[in-house]
């Protein structure tokens, strides 16, 4: 799939990518471009949205953009972060290293580093370090799920950014993220183009990395509560990928919910986007218990 269509398909909620200063609601503090780590020579940044009123500590949400692991920008989640801040959360949207220059697990390591940064700065941003959730769409959904399935797995921590802090998350909202890369070829319009760039080869030459990078293979009873939202007509990440993750989580006794959007494709729009956002807010409200709603 061409880069432009991939990028547009992977934004979960439509809206302005960048907020003008006068577009930020009066009850929200918005800080763009805050550096959270330096990895592989890259200065990695987050945008931060938080409630202007109240002392907290507030629950927090990490938002991870999509783009086939090779494209996309954190600013695509600015609007959701502001919405979450109005609901009583501290929300960040994360830049991570992209393929083909940076292959798996660089993106995973960066996302974990962003969680550690939140904990290291909990006092500054009035964050409750015990109440951090994560969400993302497409590649971002995969990364969110990967974080939720690998709490405490040291091999994915990387070597930069507040290593004295935990990267554990409390819950996941996964929008149409792939769960098993070994079964993506032939079921996705762009898997054969995208996955070798990120995993260093195809199933014949990099099978081990396809297995290792699939969040389905990291599910244990220690995985965190998860909401998966997926459309039945997704041409980029087949709907069956959601079912596999739901079944695996259930088999391990992990709480999991599935929102199936009949007829929806990859990148929710209109009423489907509204349903997905409502489900996200309800799920985070249930599991992170914000004091301000």
C-alpha atoms as a PDB file:
ATOM      1  CA  UNK A   1       0.000   0.000   0.000  1.00  0.00           C
ATOM      2  CA  UNK A   2       1.198   3.495  -0.770  1.00  0.00           C
ATOM      3  CA  UNK A   3       2.524   5.561   2.091  1.00  0.00           C
ATOM      4  CA  UNK A   4      -0.146   8.270   1.906  1.00  0.00           C
ATOM      5  CA  UNK A   5      -3.060   5.848   2.120  1.00  0.00           C
ATOM      6  CA  UNK A   6      -1.344   3.904   4.898  1.00  0.00           C
ATOM      7  CA  UNK A   7      -0.888   7.047   6.959  1.00  0.00           C
ATOM      8  CA  UNK A   8      -4.450   8.247   6.517  1.00  0.00           C
ATOM      9  CA  UNK A   9      -5.877   4.829   7.299  1.00  0.00           C
ATOM     10  CA  UNK A  10      -4.029   4.523  10.572  1.00  0.00           C
ATOM     11  CA  UNK A  11      -5.349   7.621  12.307  1.00  0.00           C
ATOM     12  CA  UNK A  12      -8.035   6.452  14.708  1.00  0.00           C
ATOM     13  CA  UNK A  13      -9.991   9.640  15.169  1.00  0.00           C
ATOM     14  CA  UNK A  14     -10.301  12.380  12.579  1.00  0.00           C
ATOM     15  CA  UNK A  15      -9.400  15.935  13.465  1.00  0.00           C
ATOM     16  CA  UNK A  16      -6.657  18.497  13.313  1.00  0.00           C
ATOM     17  CA  UNK A  17      -3.234  16.937  13.825  1.00  0.00           C
ATOM     18  CA  UNK A  18      -1.883  20.062  15.430  1.00  0.00           C
ATOM     19  CA  UNK A  19      -3.727  22.345  17.813  1.00  0.00           C
ATOM     20  CA  UNK A  20      -3.341  26.085  17.510  1.00  0.00           C
ATOM     21  CA  UNK A  21      -2.749  27.728  20.859  1.00  0.00           C
ATOM     22  CA  UNK A  22      -6.228  29.289  20.845  1.00  0.00           C
ATOM     23  CA  UNK A  23      -7.856  25.907  20.103  1.00  0.00           C
ATOM     24  CA  UNK A  24      -6.850  24.350  23.414  1.00  0.00           C
ATOM     25  CA  UNK A  25      -9.789  24.279  25.844  1.00  0.00           C
ATOM     26  CA  UNK A  26      -9.513  26.528  28.879  1.00  0.00           C
ATOM     27  CA  UNK A  27      -9.515  23.540  31.237  1.00  0.00           C
ATOM     28  CA  UNK A  28      -6.515  21.818  29.582  1.00  0.00           C
ATOM     29  CA  UNK A  29      -2.765  22.431  29.672  1.00  0.00           C
ATOM     30  CA  UNK A  30      -1.137  21.277  26.434  1.00  0.00           C
ATOM     31  CA  UNK A  31       2.647  20.935  26.081  1.00  0.00           C
ATOM     32  CA  UNK A  32       3.969  19.783  22.697  1.00  0.00           C
ATOM     33  CA  UNK A  33       7.419  18.456  21.944  1.00  0.00           C
ATOM     34  CA  UNK A  34       8.662  17.338  25.358  1.00  0.00           C
ATOM     35  CA  UNK A  35      11.716  15.080  25.066  1.00  0.00           C
ATOM     36  CA  UNK A  36      11.350  11.778  26.878  1.00  0.00           C
ATOM     37  CA  UNK A  37      14.414   9.828  25.723  1.00  0.00           C
ATOM     38  CA  UNK A  38      17.329   9.719  23.311  1.00  0.00           C
ATOM     39  CA  UNK A  39      17.666   6.353  21.558  1.00  0.00           C
ATOM     40  CA  UNK A  40      19.712   5.375  18.528  1.00  0.00           C
ATOM     41  CA  UNK A  41      20.710   8.997  18.131  1.00  0.00           C
ATOM     42  CA  UNK A  42      17.055  10.058  17.904  1.00  0.00           C
ATOM     43  CA  UNK A  43      15.610  12.701  20.244  1.00  0.00           C
ATOM     44  CA  UNK A  44      12.189  11.274  21.034  1.00  0.00           C
ATOM     45  CA  UNK A  45       9.320  13.497  22.094  1.00  0.00           C
ATOM     46  CA  UNK A  46       5.813  13.404  23.484  1.00  0.00           C
ATOM     47  CA  UNK A  47       2.942  15.876  23.455  1.00  0.00           C
ATOM     48  CA  UNK A  48       1.332  16.167  26.884  1.00  0.00           C
ATOM     49  CA  UNK A  49      -2.255  17.149  27.716  1.00  0.00           C
ATOM     50  CA  UNK A  50      -3.391  17.416  31.331  1.00  0.00           C
ATOM     51  CA  UNK A  51      -6.179  18.910  33.386  1.00  0.00           C
ATOM     52  CA  UNK A  52      -5.642  22.529  34.357  1.00  0.00           C
ATOM     53  CA  UNK A  53      -7.685  22.186  37.524  1.00  0.00           C
ATOM     54  CA  UNK A  54      -7.246  19.771  40.408  1.00  0.00           C
ATOM     55  CA  UNK A  55      -4.234  18.430  42.233  1.00  0.00           C
ATOM     56  CA  UNK A  56      -4.519  14.798  41.175  1.00  0.00           C
ATOM     57  CA  UNK A  57      -2.883  12.448  41.187  1.00  0.00           C
ATOM     58  CA  UNK A  58      -4.524  11.740  37.852  1.00  0.00           C
ATOM     59  CA  UNK A  59      -4.587   8.498  35.885  1.00  0.00           C
ATOM     60  CA  UNK A  60      -2.613   8.608  32.656  1.00  0.00           C
ATOM     61  CA  UNK A  61      -2.927   7.257  29.112  1.00  0.00           C
ATOM     62  CA  UNK A  62      -0.148   6.718  26.581  1.00  0.00           C
ATOM     63  CA  UNK A  63      -1.353   7.053  22.960  1.00  0.00           C
ATOM     64  CA  UNK A  64       0.652   5.335  20.195  1.00  0.00           C
ATOM     65  CA  UNK A  65       0.153   6.302  16.552  1.00  0.00           C
ATOM     66  CA  UNK A  66      -0.136   3.898  13.637  1.00  0.00           C
ATOM     67  CA  UNK A  67       1.543   3.953  10.241  1.00  0.00           C
ATOM     68  CA  UNK A  68       2.779   0.445   9.506  1.00  0.00           C
ATOM     69  CA  UNK A  69       5.798   0.855  11.799  1.00  0.00           C
ATOM     70  CA  UNK A  70       7.368   3.081   9.139  1.00  0.00           C
ATOM     71  CA  UNK A  71       5.195   6.213   9.050  1.00  0.00           C
ATOM     72  CA  UNK A  72       2.759   8.288  11.087  1.00  0.00           C
ATOM     73  CA  UNK A  73       3.202  11.070  13.611  1.00  0.00           C
ATOM     74  CA  UNK A  74       2.355  11.470  17.268  1.00  0.00           C
ATOM     75  CA  UNK A  75       0.323  14.627  16.501  1.00  0.00           C
ATOM     76  CA  UNK A  76      -2.456  12.459  15.105  1.00  0.00           C
ATOM     77  CA  UNK A  77      -3.467  11.721  18.690  1.00  0.00           C
ATOM     78  CA  UNK A  78      -3.328  15.303  19.990  1.00  0.00           C
ATOM     79  CA  UNK A  79      -7.100  15.626  19.777  1.00  0.00           C
ATOM     80  CA  UNK A  80      -7.725  12.437  21.751  1.00  0.00           C
ATOM     81  CA  UNK A  81      -5.157  13.512  24.355  1.00  0.00           C
ATOM     82  CA  UNK A  82      -7.003  16.799  24.870  1.00  0.00           C
ATOM     83  CA  UNK A  83     -10.300  14.927  25.176  1.00  0.00           C
ATOM     84  CA  UNK A  84      -8.765  12.621  27.776  1.00  0.00           C
ATOM     85  CA  UNK A  85      -7.388  15.612  29.696  1.00  0.00           C
ATOM     86  CA  UNK A  86     -10.895  17.047  29.847  1.00  0.00           C
ATOM     87  CA  UNK A  87     -12.010  13.730  31.339  1.00  0.00           C
ATOM     88  CA  UNK A  88      -9.430  13.887  34.124  1.00  0.00           C
ATOM     89  CA  UNK A  89      -6.424  12.110  32.631  1.00  0.00           C
ATOM     90  CA  UNK A  90      -2.880  13.085  31.849  1.00  0.00           C
ATOM     91  CA  UNK A  91      -2.423  11.908  28.259  1.00  0.00           C
ATOM     92  CA  UNK A  92       0.680  11.719  26.111  1.00  0.00           C
ATOM     93  CA  UNK A  93       1.155  10.884  22.444  1.00  0.00           C
ATOM     94  CA  UNK A  94       4.481   9.338  21.558  1.00  0.00           C
ATOM     95  CA  UNK A  95       7.054   9.573  18.776  1.00  0.00           C
ATOM     96  CA  UNK A  96       8.934   6.294  18.320  1.00  0.00           C
ATOM     97  CA  UNK A  97      11.665   5.112  15.963  1.00  0.00           C
ATOM     98  CA  UNK A  98      10.446   3.930  12.570  1.00  0.00           C
ATOM     99  CA  UNK A  99      11.435   1.294  10.020  1.00  0.00           C
ATOM    100  CA  UNK A 100      13.365   0.678   7.899  1.00  0.00           C
ATOM    101  CA  UNK A 101      16.077   2.620   9.736  1.00  0.00           C
ATOM    102  CA  UNK A 102      15.014   1.098  13.063  1.00  0.00           C
ATOM    103  CA  UNK A 103      13.658  -2.418  13.201  1.00  0.00           C
ATOM    104  CA  UNK A 104      11.830  -4.384  15.894  1.00  0.00           C
ATOM    105  CA  UNK A 105      12.054  -4.071  18.865  1.00  0.00           C
ATOM    106  CA  UNK A 106      13.106  -0.387  18.723  1.00  0.00           C
ATOM    107  CA  UNK A 107       9.509   0.873  18.630  1.00  0.00           C
ATOM    108  CA  UNK A 108       8.553  -1.342  21.576  1.00  0.00           C
ATOM    109  CA  UNK A 109      11.529  -0.100  23.572  1.00  0.00           C
ATOM    110  CA  UNK A 110      10.616   3.522  22.860  1.00  0.00           C
ATOM    111  CA  UNK A 111       7.007   3.088  23.935  1.00  0.00           C
ATOM    112  CA  UNK A 112       8.134   1.448  27.162  1.00  0.00           C
ATOM    113  CA  UNK A 113      10.557   4.334  27.689  1.00  0.00           C
ATOM    114  CA  UNK A 114       7.646   6.767  27.399  1.00  0.00           C
ATOM    115  CA  UNK A 115       5.830   4.957  30.208  1.00  0.00           C
ATOM    116  CA  UNK A 116       8.960   5.124  32.344  1.00  0.00           C
ATOM    117  CA  UNK A 117       9.203   8.851  31.588  1.00  0.00           C
ATOM    118  CA  UNK A 118       5.653   9.332  32.843  1.00  0.00           C
ATOM    119  CA  UNK A 119       6.513   7.633  36.113  1.00  0.00           C
ATOM    120  CA  UNK A 120       9.755   9.576  36.483  1.00  0.00           C
ATOM    121  CA  UNK A 121       7.763  12.791  36.054  1.00  0.00           C
ATOM    122  CA  UNK A 122       4.717  11.742  38.045  1.00  0.00           C
ATOM    123  CA  UNK A 123       5.142  14.508  40.609  1.00  0.00           C
ATOM    124  CA  UNK A 124       5.561  17.223  37.947  1.00  0.00           C
ATOM    125  CA  UNK A 125       2.484  16.201  35.973  1.00  0.00           C
ATOM    126  CA  UNK A 126       0.413  14.972  38.945  1.00  0.00           C
ATOM    127  CA  UNK A 127       0.245  11.403  37.613  1.00  0.00           C
ATOM    128  CA  UNK A 128      -0.705   8.361  39.673  1.00  0.00           C
ATOM    129  CA  UNK A 129       2.032   5.882  38.656  1.00  0.00           C
ATOM    130  CA  UNK A 130      -0.231   2.939  39.486  1.00  0.00           C
ATOM    131  CA  UNK A 131      -2.872   4.021  36.957  1.00  0.00           C
ATOM    132  CA  UNK A 132      -1.300   4.199  33.504  1.00  0.00           C
ATOM    133  CA  UNK A 133      -3.130   2.792  30.495  1.00  0.00           C
ATOM    134  CA  UNK A 134      -2.119   2.587  26.852  1.00  0.00           C
ATOM    135  CA  UNK A 135      -3.935   2.794  23.537  1.00  0.00           C
ATOM    136  CA  UNK A 136      -3.153   2.895  19.843  1.00  0.00           C
ATOM    137  CA  UNK A 137      -4.424   2.102  16.380  1.00  0.00           C
ATOM    138  CA  UNK A 138      -3.064  -0.343  13.789  1.00  0.00           C
ATOM    139  CA  UNK A 139       0.714  -0.493  14.377  1.00  0.00           C
ATOM    140  CA  UNK A 140      -0.012   1.551  17.499  1.00  0.00           C
ATOM    141  CA  UNK A 141      -2.603  -1.023  18.542  1.00  0.00           C
ATOM    142  CA  UNK A 142       0.007  -3.724  18.160  1.00  0.00           C
ATOM    143  CA  UNK A 143       2.488  -1.746  20.276  1.00  0.00           C
ATOM    144  CA  UNK A 144      -0.133  -1.027  22.933  1.00  0.00           C
ATOM    145  CA  UNK A 145      -1.027  -4.717  23.096  1.00  0.00           C
ATOM    146  CA  UNK A 146       2.634  -5.673  23.194  1.00  0.00           C
ATOM    147  CA  UNK A 147       3.163  -3.444  26.216  1.00  0.00           C
ATOM    148  CA  UNK A 148       0.137  -4.923  27.960  1.00  0.00           C
ATOM    149  CA  UNK A 149       1.378  -8.472  27.336  1.00  0.00           C
ATOM    150  CA  UNK A 150       4.999  -7.897  28.398  1.00  0.00           C
ATOM    151  CA  UNK A 151       4.867  -6.203  31.779  1.00  0.00           C
ATOM    152  CA  UNK A 152       8.122  -7.133  33.516  1.00  0.00           C
ATOM    153  CA  UNK A 153       9.764  -8.682  30.431  1.00  0.00           C
ATOM    154  CA  UNK A 154      13.253  -7.194  30.638  1.00  0.00           C
ATOM    155  CA  UNK A 155      14.405  -7.947  27.098  1.00  0.00           C
ATOM    156  CA  UNK A 156      12.175  -5.212  25.665  1.00  0.00           C
ATOM    157  CA  UNK A 157      13.168  -2.380  27.999  1.00  0.00           C
ATOM    158  CA  UNK A 158      15.983  -1.012  25.844  1.00  0.00           C
ATOM    159  CA  UNK A 159      18.863   0.995  27.255  1.00  0.00           C
ATOM    160  CA  UNK A 160      17.658   4.602  27.343  1.00  0.00           C
ATOM    161  CA  UNK A 161      15.342   6.740  29.397  1.00  0.00           C
ATOM    162  CA  UNK A 162      14.666   6.423  33.151  1.00  0.00           C
ATOM    163  CA  UNK A 163      15.671   2.789  33.478  1.00  0.00           C
ATOM    164  CA  UNK A 164      15.100   2.984  37.217  1.00  0.00           C
ATOM    165  CA  UNK A 165      11.351   3.211  36.567  1.00  0.00           C
ATOM    166  CA  UNK A 166       8.833   0.516  35.648  1.00  0.00           C
ATOM    167  CA  UNK A 167       7.316   0.356  32.160  1.00  0.00           C
ATOM    168  CA  UNK A 168       4.288  -1.639  33.351  1.00  0.00           C
ATOM    169  CA  UNK A 169       0.838  -0.564  32.195  1.00  0.00           C
ATOM    170  CA  UNK A 170      -2.497  -1.255  33.860  1.00  0.00           C
ATOM    171  CA  UNK A 171      -4.765  -1.797  30.851  1.00  0.00           C
ATOM    172  CA  UNK A 172      -4.901  -1.649  27.051  1.00  0.00           C
ATOM    173  CA  UNK A 173      -7.288  -0.346  24.416  1.00  0.00           C
ATOM    174  CA  UNK A 174      -6.204  -1.880  21.107  1.00  0.00           C
ATOM    175  CA  UNK A 175      -7.729  -0.616  17.864  1.00  0.00           C
ATOM    176  CA  UNK A 176      -7.281  -3.065  14.984  1.00  0.00           C
ATOM    177  CA  UNK A 177      -3.735  -4.050  15.884  1.00  0.00           C
ATOM    178  CA  UNK A 178      -2.236  -7.239  14.412  1.00  0.00           C
ATOM    179  CA  UNK A 179      -1.656 -10.101  16.832  1.00  0.00           C
ATOM    180  CA  UNK A 180       0.118 -12.779  14.756  1.00  0.00           C
ATOM    181  CA  UNK A 181       2.460 -11.676  11.985  1.00  0.00           C
ATOM    182  CA  UNK A 182       3.058 -15.251  10.834  1.00  0.00           C
ATOM    183  CA  UNK A 183      -0.544 -15.302   9.552  1.00  0.00           C
ATOM    184  CA  UNK A 184      -0.679 -11.789   8.119  1.00  0.00           C
ATOM    185  CA  UNK A 185       0.633 -12.532   4.627  1.00  0.00           C
ATOM    186  CA  UNK A 186      -2.176 -13.061   2.134  1.00  0.00           C
ATOM    187  CA  UNK A 187      -4.709 -11.607   4.581  1.00  0.00           C
ATOM    188  CA  UNK A 188      -3.486  -8.004   4.456  1.00  0.00           C
ATOM    189  CA  UNK A 189      -3.070  -5.749   1.430  1.00  0.00           C
ATOM    190  CA  UNK A 190       0.288  -4.453   2.602  1.00  0.00           C
ATOM    191  CA  UNK A 191       1.830  -7.044   4.948  1.00  0.00           C
ATOM    192  CA  UNK A 192       4.267  -8.267   2.302  1.00  0.00           C
ATOM    193  CA  UNK A 193       5.519  -4.710   1.844  1.00  0.00           C
ATOM    194  CA  UNK A 194       5.499  -3.485   5.443  1.00  0.00           C
ATOM    195  CA  UNK A 195       6.573  -6.415   7.610  1.00  0.00           C
ATOM    196  CA  UNK A 196       9.942  -7.164   5.949  1.00  0.00           C
ATOM    197  CA  UNK A 197      10.939  -3.526   6.483  1.00  0.00           C
ATOM    198  CA  UNK A 198      10.289  -3.778  10.215  1.00  0.00           C
ATOM    199  CA  UNK A 199      11.267  -7.385  10.855  1.00  0.00           C
ATOM    200  CA  UNK A 200      14.296  -7.631   8.588  1.00  0.00           C
ATOM    201  CA  UNK A 201      12.875 -10.146   6.131  1.00  0.00           C
ATOM    202  CA  UNK A 202       9.850 -12.240   5.221  1.00  0.00           C
ATOM    203  CA  UNK A 203       8.594 -15.495   6.726  1.00  0.00           C
ATOM    204  CA  UNK A 204      11.325 -17.472   4.997  1.00  0.00           C
ATOM    205  CA  UNK A 205      14.236 -15.284   6.046  1.00  0.00           C
ATOM    206  CA  UNK A 206      13.026 -13.815   9.367  1.00  0.00           C
ATOM    207  CA  UNK A 207      10.518 -16.276  10.804  1.00  0.00           C
ATOM    208  CA  UNK A 208      11.932 -15.967  14.316  1.00  0.00           C
ATOM    209  CA  UNK A 209      11.382 -12.211  14.348  1.00  0.00           C
ATOM    210  CA  UNK A 210       7.809 -12.597  13.075  1.00  0.00           C
ATOM    211  CA  UNK A 211       7.121 -14.956  15.975  1.00  0.00           C
ATOM    212  CA  UNK A 212       8.931 -12.803  18.525  1.00  0.00           C
ATOM    213  CA  UNK A 213       7.194  -9.593  17.391  1.00  0.00           C
ATOM    214  CA  UNK A 214       3.681 -11.080  17.550  1.00  0.00           C
ATOM    215  CA  UNK A 215       1.935 -10.026  20.781  1.00  0.00           C
ATOM    216  CA  UNK A 216      -0.148 -13.195  20.670  1.00  0.00           C
ATOM    217  CA  UNK A 217       2.971 -15.136  21.650  1.00  0.00           C
ATOM    218  CA  UNK A 218       3.538 -13.043  24.773  1.00  0.00           C
ATOM    219  CA  UNK A 219       0.171 -13.595  26.417  1.00  0.00           C
ATOM    220  CA  UNK A 220       0.382 -14.969  29.950  1.00  0.00           C
ATOM    221  CA  UNK A 221      -1.925 -14.749  32.970  1.00  0.00           C
ATOM    222  CA  UNK A 222      -0.001 -11.553  33.821  1.00  0.00           C
ATOM    223  CA  UNK A 223      -1.309  -9.703  30.755  1.00  0.00           C
ATOM    224  CA  UNK A 224      -3.492  -6.720  31.622  1.00  0.00           C
ATOM    225  CA  UNK A 225      -7.205  -6.108  31.005  1.00  0.00           C
ATOM    226  CA  UNK A 226      -7.753  -5.361  27.332  1.00  0.00           C
ATOM    227  CA  UNK A 227     -10.389  -3.855  25.062  1.00  0.00           C
ATOM    228  CA  UNK A 228     -10.034  -4.670  21.367  1.00  0.00           C
ATOM    229  CA  UNK A 229     -12.008  -2.740  18.742  1.00  0.00           C
ATOM    230  CA  UNK A 230     -11.953  -4.094  15.197  1.00  0.00           C
ATOM    231  CA  UNK A 231     -13.979  -3.772  12.009  1.00  0.00           C
ATOM    232  CA  UNK A 232     -15.178  -6.816  10.101  1.00  0.00           C
ATOM    233  CA  UNK A 233     -14.124  -5.359   6.720  1.00  0.00           C
ATOM    234  CA  UNK A 234     -10.560  -4.413   7.647  1.00  0.00           C
ATOM    235  CA  UNK A 235      -8.339  -4.991   4.605  1.00  0.00           C
ATOM    236  CA  UNK A 236      -5.075  -4.181   6.357  1.00  0.00           C
ATOM    237  CA  UNK A 237      -5.405  -6.169   9.580  1.00  0.00           C
ATOM    238  CA  UNK A 238      -7.861  -9.009   9.138  1.00  0.00           C
ATOM    239  CA  UNK A 239     -10.654  -9.164  11.710  1.00  0.00           C
ATOM    240  CA  UNK A 240      -9.634 -12.714  12.682  1.00  0.00           C
ATOM    241  CA  UNK A 241      -6.504 -11.255  14.293  1.00  0.00           C
ATOM    242  CA  UNK A 242      -8.715  -9.722  16.996  1.00  0.00           C
ATOM    243  CA  UNK A 243     -10.404 -13.053  17.664  1.00  0.00           C
ATOM    244  CA  UNK A 244      -7.092 -14.824  18.158  1.00  0.00           C
ATOM    245  CA  UNK A 245      -6.008 -12.284  20.770  1.00  0.00           C
ATOM    246  CA  UNK A 246      -9.348 -12.411  22.560  1.00  0.00           C
ATOM    247  CA  UNK A 247      -9.268 -16.207  22.714  1.00  0.00           C
ATOM    248  CA  UNK A 248      -5.657 -16.311  23.938  1.00  0.00           C
ATOM    249  CA  UNK A 249      -6.286 -13.737  26.668  1.00  0.00           C
ATOM    250  CA  UNK A 250      -9.414 -15.562  27.803  1.00  0.00           C
ATOM    251  CA  UNK A 251      -7.545 -18.871  27.890  1.00  0.00           C
ATOM    252  CA  UNK A 252      -5.085 -17.284  30.321  1.00  0.00           C
ATOM    253  CA  UNK A 253      -7.831 -15.891  32.526  1.00  0.00           C
ATOM    254  CA  UNK A 254      -7.229 -12.277  31.470  1.00  0.00           C
ATOM    255  CA  UNK A 255     -10.155  -9.890  31.300  1.00  0.00           C
ATOM    256  CA  UNK A 256     -10.822  -8.933  27.682  1.00  0.00           C
ATOM    257  CA  UNK A 257     -13.622  -7.221  25.773  1.00  0.00           C
ATOM    258  CA  UNK A 258     -14.177  -7.142  22.006  1.00  0.00           C
ATOM    259  CA  UNK A 259     -16.061  -4.372  20.225  1.00  0.00           C
ATOM    260  CA  UNK A 260     -16.914  -5.636  16.744  1.00  0.00           C
ATOM    261  CA  UNK A 261     -17.885  -2.937  14.264  1.00  0.00           C
ATOM    262  CA  UNK A 262     -19.818  -4.580  11.455  1.00  0.00           C
ATOM    263  CA  UNK A 263     -18.778  -3.357   8.033  1.00  0.00           C
ATOM    264  CA  UNK A 264     -16.052  -1.079   9.371  1.00  0.00           C
ATOM    265  CA  UNK A 265     -12.679  -0.919   7.681  1.00  0.00           C
ATOM    266  CA  UNK A 266      -9.227   0.093   8.853  1.00  0.00           C
ATOM    267  CA  UNK A 267      -9.362   3.516  10.460  1.00  0.00           C
ATOM    268  CA  UNK A 268     -12.781   4.161  11.969  1.00  0.00           C
ATOM    269  CA  UNK A 269     -14.896   7.023  10.661  1.00  0.00           C
ATOM    270  CA  UNK A 270     -18.177   8.697  11.534  1.00  0.00           C
ATOM    271  CA  UNK A 271     -20.438   6.689  13.819  1.00  0.00           C
ATOM    272  CA  UNK A 272     -17.865   3.906  14.083  1.00  0.00           C
ATOM    273  CA  UNK A 273     -15.256   6.359  15.385  1.00  0.00           C
ATOM    274  CA  UNK A 274     -17.777   7.687  17.892  1.00  0.00           C
ATOM    275  CA  UNK A 275     -18.577   4.178  19.140  1.00  0.00           C
ATOM    276  CA  UNK A 276     -14.888   3.348  19.422  1.00  0.00           C
ATOM    277  CA  UNK A 277     -14.095   6.504  21.389  1.00  0.00           C
ATOM    278  CA  UNK A 278     -17.047   5.953  23.719  1.00  0.00           C
ATOM    279  CA  UNK A 279     -15.876   2.395  24.356  1.00  0.00           C
ATOM    280  CA  UNK A 280     -12.328   3.628  25.006  1.00  0.00           C
ATOM    281  CA  UNK A 281     -13.497   6.220  27.518  1.00  0.00           C
ATOM    282  CA  UNK A 282     -15.756   3.723  29.292  1.00  0.00           C
ATOM    283  CA  UNK A 283     -12.985   1.137  29.499  1.00  0.00           C
ATOM    284  CA  UNK A 284     -10.407   3.555  30.883  1.00  0.00           C
ATOM    285  CA  UNK A 285     -12.981   4.921  33.309  1.00  0.00           C
ATOM    286  CA  UNK A 286     -13.613   1.391  34.536  1.00  0.00           C
ATOM    287  CA  UNK A 287      -9.970   0.366  34.912  1.00  0.00           C
ATOM    288  CA  UNK A 288      -8.168   3.593  35.764  1.00  0.00           C
ATOM    289  CA  UNK A 289     -10.906   5.173  37.927  1.00  0.00           C
ATOM    290  CA  UNK A 290     -10.381   8.855  37.212  1.00  0.00           C
ATOM    291  CA  UNK A 291     -11.413  11.175  39.992  1.00  0.00           C
ATOM    292  CA  UNK A 292     -12.549  13.833  37.519  1.00  0.00           C
ATOM    293  CA  UNK A 293     -14.950  12.766  34.778  1.00  0.00           C
END
